[in-house]
Amino acid sequence: MLFKFKDGLDWSDPRAAEAESVTRQHPRHIPEIVHWQCGRNVSGRPIAHDFALVGDFTDRQAVDRYLTHPDHVRGVELWRAIADWSVVDFEVLLKSDT
């Protein structure tokens, strides 16, 4: 996922820090998450987004459970107030699958 703050917002807004904190803590609350990486943009490029995350799940059913988990829903509500985002859900092919 890639998050871009809405016009006039940046990391100085306390809502951004709250959304970031909740997102970073998802693996503590959502057992379906196998691996989780997220962080703030470190590039000064104007085309860059402000925050990104990558989550790994065992299967599509785990993703579906994650999407409806109350902690994830809370994060969605926080980000929705301050940012727009893009999502790509994709399957990782293992070497044996090729």
N, C-alpha and C. Protein backbone atom coordinates (compact mmCIF):
# COMPACT_ATOMS: atom_id res chain seq x y z
N MET A 1 0.85 -1.18 0.00
CA MET A 1 0.00 0.00 0.00
C MET A 1 0.89 1.23 0.00
N LEU A 2 0.40 2.24 -0.67
CA LEU A 2 1.08 3.53 -0.69
C LEU A 2 0.09 4.59 -0.24
N PHE A 3 0.49 5.40 0.72
CA PHE A 3 -0.36 6.45 1.27
C PHE A 3 0.18 7.82 0.89
N LYS A 4 -0.70 8.70 0.47
CA LYS A 4 -0.33 10.08 0.14
C LYS A 4 -1.25 11.00 0.94
N PHE A 5 -0.63 11.88 1.75
CA PHE A 5 -1.43 12.80 2.55
C PHE A 5 -2.32 13.67 1.68
N LYS A 6 -3.49 13.97 2.20
CA LYS A 6 -4.38 14.91 1.54
C LYS A 6 -3.75 16.29 1.59
N ASP A 7 -4.14 17.15 0.67
CA ASP A 7 -3.58 18.50 0.59
C ASP A 7 -3.60 19.20 1.94
N GLY A 8 -2.48 19.81 2.28
CA GLY A 8 -2.35 20.57 3.52
C GLY A 8 -1.95 19.75 4.73
N LEU A 9 -1.82 18.43 4.58
CA LEU A 9 -1.44 17.58 5.72
C LEU A 9 -0.02 17.07 5.54
N ASP A 10 0.65 16.84 6.67
CA ASP A 10 1.98 16.24 6.66
C ASP A 10 2.21 15.57 8.01
N TRP A 11 3.45 15.14 8.24
CA TRP A 11 3.75 14.39 9.47
C TRP A 11 3.63 15.23 10.74
N SER A 12 3.51 16.54 10.61
CA SER A 12 3.34 17.36 11.82
C SER A 12 1.93 17.25 12.40
N ASP A 13 1.01 16.71 11.63
CA ASP A 13 -0.36 16.52 12.11
C ASP A 13 -0.38 15.32 13.06
N PRO A 14 -0.86 15.48 14.28
CA PRO A 14 -0.88 14.36 15.23
C PRO A 14 -1.68 13.15 14.75
N ARG A 15 -2.62 13.37 13.86
CA ARG A 15 -3.38 12.24 13.32
C ARG A 15 -2.49 11.33 12.47
N ALA A 16 -1.46 11.92 11.84
CA ALA A 16 -0.53 11.12 11.03
C ALA A 16 0.27 10.18 11.93
N ALA A 17 0.76 10.71 13.04
CA ALA A 17 1.52 9.88 13.98
C ALA A 17 0.64 8.76 14.56
N GLU A 18 -0.62 9.05 14.82
CA GLU A 18 -1.52 8.03 15.34
C GLU A 18 -1.78 6.94 14.30
N ALA A 19 -2.02 7.34 13.06
CA ALA A 19 -2.25 6.36 11.99
C ALA A 19 -1.01 5.49 11.79
N GLU A 20 0.15 6.12 11.82
CA GLU A 20 1.41 5.37 11.67
C GLU A 20 1.57 4.38 12.82
N SER A 21 1.35 4.81 14.03
CA SER A 21 1.52 3.95 15.20
C SER A 21 0.57 2.75 15.15
N VAL A 22 -0.68 2.98 14.84
CA VAL A 22 -1.65 1.89 14.76
C VAL A 22 -1.23 0.91 13.67
N THR A 23 -0.79 1.42 12.54
CA THR A 23 -0.38 0.56 11.43
C THR A 23 0.84 -0.27 11.81
N ARG A 24 1.81 0.33 12.45
CA ARG A 24 3.01 -0.41 12.87
C ARG A 24 2.68 -1.52 13.87
N GLN A 25 1.62 -1.34 14.64
CA GLN A 25 1.24 -2.30 15.67
C GLN A 25 0.31 -3.41 15.18
N HIS A 26 -0.14 -3.35 13.95
CA HIS A 26 -1.06 -4.37 13.44
C HIS A 26 -0.58 -5.80 13.71
N PRO A 27 0.70 -6.13 13.48
CA PRO A 27 1.11 -7.52 13.71
C PRO A 27 0.92 -8.00 15.16
N ARG A 28 0.89 -7.10 16.11
CA ARG A 28 0.66 -7.48 17.51
C ARG A 28 -0.78 -7.88 17.77
N HIS A 29 -1.67 -7.40 16.91
CA HIS A 29 -3.10 -7.59 17.15
C HIS A 29 -3.79 -8.49 16.12
N ILE A 30 -3.16 -8.66 14.97
CA ILE A 30 -3.80 -9.39 13.87
C ILE A 30 -2.97 -10.63 13.56
N PRO A 31 -3.41 -11.80 14.03
CA PRO A 31 -2.60 -13.02 13.88
C PRO A 31 -2.39 -13.47 12.44
N GLU A 32 -3.23 -13.03 11.52
CA GLU A 32 -3.09 -13.44 10.13
C GLU A 32 -1.85 -12.87 9.45
N ILE A 33 -1.25 -11.84 10.01
CA ILE A 33 -0.07 -11.21 9.40
C ILE A 33 1.14 -12.10 9.64
N VAL A 34 1.79 -12.53 8.56
CA VAL A 34 2.98 -13.37 8.63
C VAL A 34 4.23 -12.49 8.69
N HIS A 35 4.26 -11.45 7.87
CA HIS A 35 5.40 -10.53 7.81
C HIS A 35 4.86 -9.15 7.49
N TRP A 36 5.46 -8.11 8.08
CA TRP A 36 4.92 -6.75 7.97
C TRP A 36 6.07 -5.76 7.92
N GLN A 37 6.10 -4.96 6.89
CA GLN A 37 7.09 -3.87 6.80
C GLN A 37 6.35 -2.60 6.45
N CYS A 38 6.69 -1.52 7.13
CA CYS A 38 6.09 -0.24 6.80
C CYS A 38 7.05 0.87 7.21
N GLY A 39 6.86 2.03 6.60
CA GLY A 39 7.71 3.14 6.95
C GLY A 39 7.38 4.40 6.17
N ARG A 40 7.96 5.49 6.70
CA ARG A 40 7.79 6.80 6.07
C ARG A 40 8.70 6.92 4.85
N ASN A 41 8.25 7.71 3.91
CA ASN A 41 9.05 8.02 2.75
C ASN A 41 10.31 8.80 3.17
N VAL A 42 11.44 8.44 2.61
CA VAL A 42 12.69 9.15 2.90
C VAL A 42 13.18 9.94 1.69
N SER A 43 12.41 9.93 0.61
CA SER A 43 12.76 10.63 -0.62
C SER A 43 12.17 12.03 -0.62
N GLY A 44 12.87 12.97 -1.20
CA GLY A 44 12.35 14.32 -1.35
C GLY A 44 11.65 14.52 -2.68
N ARG A 45 11.50 13.46 -3.46
CA ARG A 45 10.89 13.59 -4.78
C ARG A 45 9.41 13.92 -4.66
N PRO A 46 8.93 14.89 -5.42
CA PRO A 46 7.52 15.30 -5.30
C PRO A 46 6.52 14.21 -5.70
N ILE A 47 6.94 13.26 -6.50
CA ILE A 47 6.04 12.18 -6.93
C ILE A 47 5.89 11.10 -5.85
N ALA A 48 6.76 11.11 -4.87
CA ALA A 48 6.77 10.06 -3.84
C ALA A 48 5.54 10.12 -2.95
N HIS A 49 5.13 8.97 -2.45
CA HIS A 49 4.08 8.88 -1.45
C HIS A 49 4.68 9.11 -0.07
N ASP A 50 3.85 9.23 0.94
CA ASP A 50 4.32 9.57 2.28
C ASP A 50 4.59 8.37 3.18
N PHE A 51 3.91 7.27 2.93
CA PHE A 51 4.03 6.10 3.79
C PHE A 51 3.75 4.87 2.94
N ALA A 52 4.42 3.79 3.25
CA ALA A 52 4.20 2.55 2.49
C ALA A 52 4.18 1.36 3.44
N LEU A 53 3.49 0.31 3.01
CA LEU A 53 3.54 -0.93 3.78
C LEU A 53 3.40 -2.12 2.84
N VAL A 54 4.00 -3.22 3.29
CA VAL A 54 3.89 -4.50 2.61
C VAL A 54 3.60 -5.54 3.68
N GLY A 55 2.54 -6.29 3.48
CA GLY A 55 2.17 -7.34 4.41
C GLY A 55 2.11 -8.68 3.70
N ASP A 56 2.57 -9.71 4.36
CA ASP A 56 2.51 -11.07 3.83
C ASP A 56 1.50 -11.88 4.63
N PHE A 57 0.74 -12.70 3.90
CA PHE A 57 -0.28 -13.55 4.48
C PHE A 57 -0.18 -14.93 3.86
N THR A 58 -0.65 -15.95 4.56
CA THR A 58 -0.51 -17.32 4.05
C THR A 58 -1.40 -17.60 2.85
N ASP A 59 -2.57 -16.98 2.80
CA ASP A 59 -3.49 -17.23 1.69
C ASP A 59 -4.55 -16.13 1.64
N ARG A 60 -5.40 -16.22 0.64
CA ARG A 60 -6.43 -15.19 0.43
C ARG A 60 -7.42 -15.14 1.60
N GLN A 61 -7.70 -16.27 2.20
CA GLN A 61 -8.62 -16.29 3.34
C GLN A 61 -8.03 -15.50 4.52
N ALA A 62 -6.72 -15.59 4.71
CA ALA A 62 -6.06 -14.82 5.77
C ALA A 62 -6.17 -13.32 5.48
N VAL A 63 -6.03 -12.94 4.21
CA VAL A 63 -6.19 -11.54 3.83
C VAL A 63 -7.62 -11.09 4.13
N ASP A 64 -8.58 -11.91 3.78
CA ASP A 64 -9.98 -11.56 4.05
C ASP A 64 -10.24 -11.35 5.54
N ARG A 65 -9.66 -12.21 6.38
CA ARG A 65 -9.83 -12.05 7.83
C ARG A 65 -9.14 -10.77 8.32
N TYR A 66 -7.96 -10.49 7.79
CA TYR A 66 -7.24 -9.27 8.13
C TYR A 66 -8.07 -8.03 7.78
N LEU A 67 -8.67 -8.04 6.60
CA LEU A 67 -9.43 -6.87 6.15
C LEU A 67 -10.60 -6.53 7.05
N THR A 68 -11.15 -7.51 7.72
CA THR A 68 -12.31 -7.25 8.59
C THR A 68 -11.94 -7.21 10.07
N HIS A 69 -10.66 -7.41 10.38
CA HIS A 69 -10.23 -7.39 11.79
C HIS A 69 -10.43 -5.98 12.36
N PRO A 70 -10.95 -5.85 13.56
CA PRO A 70 -11.21 -4.53 14.15
C PRO A 70 -9.98 -3.61 14.19
N ASP A 71 -8.80 -4.16 14.42
CA ASP A 71 -7.61 -3.31 14.46
C ASP A 71 -7.29 -2.75 13.08
N HIS A 72 -7.47 -3.55 12.05
CA HIS A 72 -7.27 -3.06 10.68
C HIS A 72 -8.32 -2.01 10.33
N VAL A 73 -9.57 -2.26 10.69
CA VAL A 73 -10.64 -1.31 10.42
C VAL A 73 -10.34 0.02 11.10
N ARG A 74 -9.81 -0.02 12.30
CA ARG A 74 -9.42 1.21 13.00
C ARG A 74 -8.35 1.96 12.20
N GLY A 75 -7.34 1.24 11.71
CA GLY A 75 -6.30 1.87 10.90
C GLY A 75 -6.86 2.49 9.64
N VAL A 76 -7.77 1.79 8.98
CA VAL A 76 -8.40 2.33 7.77
C VAL A 76 -9.09 3.65 8.08
N GLU A 77 -9.82 3.69 9.16
CA GLU A 77 -10.54 4.92 9.53
C GLU A 77 -9.57 6.07 9.78
N LEU A 78 -8.46 5.78 10.45
CA LEU A 78 -7.47 6.84 10.73
C LEU A 78 -6.84 7.35 9.44
N TRP A 79 -6.42 6.43 8.57
CA TRP A 79 -5.79 6.86 7.31
C TRP A 79 -6.79 7.55 6.39
N ARG A 80 -8.02 7.08 6.36
CA ARG A 80 -9.04 7.67 5.47
C ARG A 80 -9.21 9.17 5.75
N ALA A 81 -9.06 9.57 7.00
CA ALA A 81 -9.24 10.97 7.37
C ALA A 81 -8.11 11.86 6.88
N ILE A 82 -6.94 11.28 6.61
CA ILE A 82 -5.77 12.12 6.30
C ILE A 82 -5.09 11.82 4.98
N ALA A 83 -5.42 10.71 4.34
CA ALA A 83 -4.66 10.31 3.15
C ALA A 83 -5.52 9.55 2.14
N ASP A 84 -5.01 9.53 0.93
CA ASP A 84 -5.53 8.65 -0.11
C ASP A 84 -4.50 7.55 -0.27
N TRP A 85 -4.93 6.37 -0.76
CA TRP A 85 -3.96 5.30 -0.90
C TRP A 85 -4.26 4.42 -2.09
N SER A 86 -3.23 3.67 -2.46
CA SER A 86 -3.32 2.69 -3.54
C SER A 86 -2.99 1.32 -2.96
N VAL A 87 -3.69 0.30 -3.46
CA VAL A 87 -3.51 -1.05 -2.98
C VAL A 87 -3.26 -1.98 -4.16
N VAL A 88 -2.36 -2.92 -3.95
CA VAL A 88 -2.17 -4.02 -4.89
C VAL A 88 -2.08 -5.29 -4.07
N ASP A 89 -2.97 -6.23 -4.32
CA ASP A 89 -2.91 -7.55 -3.69
C ASP A 89 -2.39 -8.50 -4.76
N PHE A 90 -1.30 -9.19 -4.47
CA PHE A 90 -0.73 -10.10 -5.45
C PHE A 90 -0.21 -11.35 -4.78
N GLU A 91 -0.15 -12.42 -5.55
CA GLU A 91 0.39 -13.69 -5.05
C GLU A 91 1.86 -13.77 -5.40
N VAL A 92 2.65 -14.22 -4.45
CA VAL A 92 4.07 -14.42 -4.69
C VAL A 92 4.25 -15.87 -5.17
N LEU A 93 4.83 -16.00 -6.34
CA LEU A 93 5.07 -17.32 -6.87
C LEU A 93 6.38 -17.85 -6.32
N LEU A 94 6.34 -19.05 -5.80
CA LEU A 94 7.54 -19.70 -5.31
C LEU A 94 8.28 -20.30 -6.48
N LYS A 95 9.56 -20.51 -6.32
CA LYS A 95 10.38 -21.04 -7.40
C LYS A 95 9.78 -22.34 -7.95
N SER A 96 9.22 -23.16 -7.09
CA SER A 96 8.63 -24.43 -7.52
C SER A 96 7.36 -24.23 -8.33
N ASP A 97 6.75 -23.00 -8.27
CA ASP A 97 5.52 -22.71 -9.00
C ASP A 97 5.77 -22.27 -10.44
N THR A 98 7.00 -22.01 -10.81
CA THR A 98 7.28 -21.49 -12.15
C THR A 98 7.44 -22.57 -13.17
